[in-house]
Amino acid sequence: MKRKPRTYRQIARRDYLKIAKQKKPRGKAIRKAIGKQLSYLCRNLKTIDSLLNLEGHGNLSTRQSRELATIRTLYSQQREMYTNKIHQIKDRIVSICQPHIRPIVRGKAKANTEFGAKVAVSMVDGYFYIDHLSWDSFNESCELQKAVENYKERFGFYPEAILADKIYRNRDNRSYCKKNGIRLSGPPLGRPPRDGRPNKELEKQDMKERNEIEGGFGVGKRRYGLARIMRA
């Protein structure tokens, strides 16, 4: 090949920045910009396919082959969402280098969407145990019973009490804990009694002890790289 094929990368970059620098772009403008990027990408993929068919141009490294396959999947996903006018798709790719990473909506003021593994942990005597780790979002409340069974498998008996966040205190988990003689922290479900909470001091103490696990997450982020997505 004597001449380098056109890629329109400068035009594509300009079109991307035009919409990315807008504070609150409208839906129509975003859709139009996505359509343009898909057109540029489709053209480039066709060019790559034609080059791969030429003699002496079909040798890609393992990394290049892996990333090209990821880009094809990414294009297919984005094209499907664009065509069907939807915003969700199964196993959505957000990183070419790390295609296993999924967006997780948190609704926080600092960042509405976060990226990285979601982990459910339990802490016993200052030690952290990972009960469930997934790159896909999951409901934490469904992991409590599994964590308790993991505790029993490790130590041979059920815990005396579980100091859990509010999301874990649903009816199923309360019934499970009651069945196995485990005290689940927090106020009971239903209307609070008129004379106030009889175990208010116990709840206060539980909250203080539960804060230790939040501090553990902070230490992990500051000192052990928990706040960063590491590439293998």
Protein backbone atom coordinates (compact mmCIF):
# COMPACT_ATOMS: atom_id res chain seq x y z
CA MET A 1 0.00 0.00 0.00
CA LYS A 2 1.51 3.31 -1.12
CA ARG A 3 -0.91 5.71 0.52
CA LYS A 4 -2.13 5.76 4.11
CA PRO A 5 -5.92 5.31 4.24
CA ARG A 6 -8.12 8.16 5.45
CA THR A 7 -9.31 7.86 9.04
CA TYR A 8 -10.93 11.27 9.67
CA ARG A 9 -9.44 11.13 13.16
CA GLN A 10 -8.95 14.89 13.39
CA ILE A 11 -12.52 15.57 12.28
CA ALA A 12 -13.82 12.89 14.65
CA ARG A 13 -11.84 14.42 17.51
CA ARG A 14 -13.16 17.88 16.71
CA ASP A 15 -16.76 16.64 16.62
CA TYR A 16 -16.26 14.82 19.93
CA LEU A 17 -14.83 17.87 21.71
CA LYS A 18 -17.61 20.02 20.34
CA ILE A 19 -20.19 18.03 22.30
CA ALA A 20 -17.97 16.99 25.25
CA LYS A 21 -17.18 20.58 26.22
CA GLN A 22 -20.84 21.52 26.45
CA LYS A 23 -22.04 21.68 30.05
CA LYS A 24 -25.51 20.25 29.43
CA PRO A 25 -25.89 19.14 25.81
CA ARG A 26 -29.38 18.32 24.59
CA GLY A 27 -30.46 14.80 23.78
CA LYS A 28 -30.72 15.47 20.05
CA ALA A 29 -27.21 16.91 19.97
CA ILE A 30 -25.80 13.89 21.82
CA ARG A 31 -27.57 11.47 19.48
CA LYS A 32 -26.27 13.33 16.42
CA ALA A 33 -22.72 13.28 17.79
CA ILE A 34 -22.91 9.54 18.54
CA GLY A 35 -24.17 8.89 15.02
CA LYS A 36 -21.17 10.72 13.57
CA GLN A 37 -18.69 8.79 15.71
CA LEU A 38 -20.30 5.49 14.73
CA SER A 39 -19.95 6.42 11.06
CA TYR A 40 -16.26 7.23 11.49
CA LEU A 41 -15.66 3.98 13.38
CA CYS A 42 -17.56 1.89 10.85
CA ARG A 43 -15.48 3.35 8.04
CA ASN A 44 -12.24 2.66 9.90
CA LEU A 45 -13.21 -0.94 10.68
CA LYS A 46 -13.91 -1.56 7.00
CA THR A 47 -10.51 -0.08 6.15
CA ILE A 48 -8.80 -2.36 8.68
CA ASP A 49 -10.60 -5.40 7.27
CA SER A 50 -9.41 -4.55 3.76
CA LEU A 51 -5.83 -4.13 5.01
CA LEU A 52 -5.92 -7.43 6.87
CA ASN A 53 -6.85 -9.17 3.62
CA LEU A 54 -3.76 -7.80 1.84
CA GLU A 55 -0.69 -9.99 1.65
CA GLY A 56 1.84 -9.05 4.32
CA HIS A 57 -0.61 -6.92 6.33
CA GLY A 58 -2.52 -9.59 8.26
CA ASN A 59 -0.17 -10.10 11.19
CA LEU A 60 -1.43 -8.51 14.40
CA SER A 61 0.02 -8.93 17.86
CA THR A 62 -2.00 -10.66 20.55
CA ARG A 63 -2.81 -7.34 22.19
CA GLN A 64 -3.83 -5.75 18.88
CA SER A 65 -6.10 -8.68 18.03
CA ARG A 66 -7.70 -8.56 21.48
CA GLU A 67 -8.31 -4.80 21.33
CA LEU A 68 -9.64 -5.00 17.76
CA ALA A 69 -12.14 -7.66 18.84
CA THR A 70 -13.16 -5.44 21.77
CA ILE A 71 -13.65 -2.47 19.44
CA ARG A 72 -15.87 -4.56 17.17
CA THR A 73 -18.01 -5.59 20.14
CA LEU A 74 -18.11 -2.00 21.37
CA TYR A 75 -19.23 -0.77 17.96
CA SER A 76 -21.93 -3.46 17.79
CA GLN A 77 -23.27 -2.48 21.22
CA GLN A 78 -23.30 1.24 20.50
CA ARG A 79 -24.88 0.71 17.09
CA GLU A 80 -27.66 -1.40 18.63
CA MET A 81 -28.38 1.23 21.31
CA TYR A 82 -28.32 3.99 18.71
CA THR A 83 -30.63 2.18 16.32
CA ASN A 84 -33.14 1.11 18.98
CA LYS A 85 -32.90 4.41 20.88
CA ILE A 86 -32.03 2.73 24.19
CA HIS A 87 -29.41 3.53 26.82
CA GLN A 88 -28.76 0.12 28.36
CA ILE A 89 -27.32 -3.10 27.02
CA LYS A 90 -26.00 -6.28 28.59
CA ASP A 91 -22.25 -6.37 29.38
CA ARG A 92 -21.74 -2.83 28.11
CA ILE A 93 -18.09 -2.05 27.35
CA VAL A 94 -16.72 1.26 28.61
CA SER A 95 -12.98 0.60 28.31
CA ILE A 96 -11.08 -0.90 25.37
CA CYS A 97 -8.07 -1.84 27.53
CA GLN A 98 -10.26 -3.30 30.30
CA PRO A 99 -13.47 -4.56 28.67
CA HIS A 100 -14.54 -6.38 31.85
CA ILE A 101 -15.24 -3.08 33.65
CA ARG A 102 -18.91 -2.07 33.91
CA PRO A 103 -20.51 1.28 34.80
CA ILE A 104 -22.21 1.23 38.21
CA VAL A 105 -24.73 4.00 38.95
CA ARG A 106 -24.27 5.26 42.52
CA GLY A 107 -26.16 8.57 42.47
CA LYS A 108 -23.50 10.39 44.49
CA ALA A 109 -23.05 14.13 44.27
CA LYS A 110 -19.39 13.79 43.29
CA ALA A 111 -19.91 11.13 40.62
CA ASN A 112 -23.27 9.76 39.52
CA THR A 113 -21.59 6.77 37.87
CA GLU A 114 -18.55 4.88 39.14
CA PHE A 115 -16.36 2.26 37.50
CA GLY A 116 -14.62 -0.70 39.05
CA ALA A 117 -15.33 -3.88 40.95
CA LYS A 118 -18.14 -3.95 43.49
CA VAL A 119 -17.28 -5.87 46.63
CA ALA A 120 -19.24 -7.15 49.62
CA VAL A 121 -17.04 -7.62 52.67
CA SER A 122 -17.43 -8.58 56.31
CA MET A 123 -15.12 -7.69 59.16
CA VAL A 124 -14.33 -9.92 62.14
CA ASP A 125 -11.90 -8.78 64.87
CA GLY A 126 -10.37 -6.17 62.57
CA TYR A 127 -9.85 -8.56 59.63
CA PHE A 128 -11.64 -8.08 56.31
CA TYR A 129 -13.14 -11.02 54.44
CA ILE A 130 -14.31 -10.71 50.83
CA ASP A 131 -17.67 -12.48 50.52
CA HIS A 132 -18.51 -11.41 46.98
CA LEU A 133 -16.67 -9.51 44.24
CA SER A 134 -18.09 -8.68 40.83
CA TRP A 135 -17.49 -6.21 38.02
CA ASP A 136 -21.26 -6.14 37.47
CA SER A 137 -23.62 -4.32 39.80
CA PHE A 138 -25.49 -6.42 42.37
CA ASN A 139 -27.86 -5.90 45.29
CA GLU A 140 -25.89 -5.98 48.53
CA SER A 141 -28.87 -7.06 50.62
CA CYS A 142 -28.89 -10.45 48.87
CA GLU A 143 -25.33 -11.13 50.05
CA LEU A 144 -25.90 -11.03 53.83
CA GLN A 145 -27.04 -14.63 54.22
CA LYS A 146 -24.15 -15.85 52.06
CA ALA A 147 -21.73 -13.86 54.23
CA VAL A 148 -23.18 -15.40 57.39
CA GLU A 149 -22.82 -18.90 55.98
CA ASN A 150 -19.22 -18.08 55.03
CA TYR A 151 -18.66 -16.99 58.64
CA LYS A 152 -20.02 -20.29 59.94
CA GLU A 153 -17.81 -22.21 57.52
CA ARG A 154 -14.71 -20.31 58.70
CA PHE A 155 -15.33 -20.39 62.46
CA GLY A 156 -17.75 -23.29 62.97
CA PHE A 157 -20.64 -21.27 64.44
CA TYR A 158 -22.95 -18.35 63.65
CA PRO A 159 -22.06 -14.83 64.83
CA GLU A 160 -23.74 -13.40 67.91
CA ALA A 161 -24.63 -10.14 66.15
CA ILE A 162 -24.40 -8.51 62.72
CA LEU A 163 -23.77 -4.76 62.55
CA ALA A 164 -25.10 -4.10 59.07
CA ASP A 165 -26.09 -1.07 57.02
CA LYS A 166 -29.73 -0.15 56.49
CA ILE A 167 -29.93 -1.83 53.08
CA TYR A 168 -29.37 -5.25 54.69
CA ARG A 169 -32.24 -4.94 57.18
CA ASN A 170 -35.05 -6.32 55.04
CA ARG A 171 -37.67 -8.86 56.09
CA ASP A 172 -35.89 -11.86 54.57
CA ASN A 173 -32.61 -11.11 56.32
CA ARG A 174 -34.34 -10.33 59.63
CA SER A 175 -36.23 -13.63 59.45
CA TYR A 176 -33.02 -15.49 58.61
CA CYS A 177 -31.14 -13.94 61.54
CA LYS A 178 -33.99 -14.61 63.95
CA LYS A 179 -34.14 -18.24 62.85
CA ASN A 180 -30.42 -18.70 63.57
CA GLY A 181 -30.36 -16.74 66.82
CA ILE A 182 -28.43 -13.76 65.40
CA ARG A 183 -29.05 -10.18 66.47
CA LEU A 184 -29.30 -7.84 63.49
CA SER A 185 -28.47 -4.24 64.36
CA GLY A 186 -30.85 -1.37 63.79
CA PRO A 187 -34.42 -0.50 64.75
CA PRO A 188 -37.20 -3.02 64.05
CA LEU A 189 -39.44 -2.67 61.01
CA GLY A 190 -42.77 -0.88 61.34
CA ARG A 191 -43.95 2.13 63.27
CA PRO A 192 -41.64 3.18 66.13
CA PRO A 193 -43.07 2.89 69.68
CA ARG A 194 -44.50 6.01 71.33
CA ASP A 195 -42.12 5.85 74.27
CA GLY A 196 -39.10 5.92 71.98
CA ARG A 197 -36.61 3.19 71.19
CA PRO A 198 -35.80 1.04 74.21
CA ASN A 199 -32.43 -0.01 72.76
CA LYS A 200 -31.30 3.42 71.64
CA GLU A 201 -27.99 3.18 73.48
CA LEU A 202 -27.30 -0.23 71.96
CA GLU A 203 -28.04 1.12 68.48
CA LYS A 204 -25.65 3.99 69.14
CA GLN A 205 -22.91 1.59 70.19
CA ASP A 206 -23.55 -0.61 67.15
CA MET A 207 -23.20 2.43 64.89
CA LYS A 208 -19.84 3.31 66.45
CA GLU A 209 -18.51 -0.20 65.96
CA ARG A 210 -19.85 -0.40 62.41
CA ASN A 211 -17.95 2.76 61.47
CA GLU A 212 -14.76 0.70 61.73
CA ILE A 213 -15.52 -1.02 58.45
CA GLU A 214 -16.05 2.34 56.72
CA GLY A 215 -12.65 3.39 58.03
CA GLY A 216 -11.20 0.19 56.59
CA PHE A 217 -12.42 1.15 53.14
CA GLY A 218 -10.81 4.56 53.55
CA VAL A 219 -7.47 3.02 54.50
CA GLY A 220 -7.70 0.63 51.56
CA LYS A 221 -8.27 3.53 49.16
CA ARG A 222 -5.51 5.72 50.58
CA ARG A 223 -2.81 3.12 51.18
CA TYR A 224 -3.51 -0.04 49.20
CA GLY A 225 -4.74 1.13 45.80
CA LEU A 226 -8.42 0.31 46.36
CA ALA A 227 -9.37 3.63 44.75
CA ARG A 228 -7.67 2.70 41.46
CA ILE A 229 -8.55 0.18 38.78
CA MET A 230 -5.38 -1.82 38.24
CA ARG A 231 -4.70 -3.41 34.87
CA ALA A 232 -3.32 -6.93 34.96
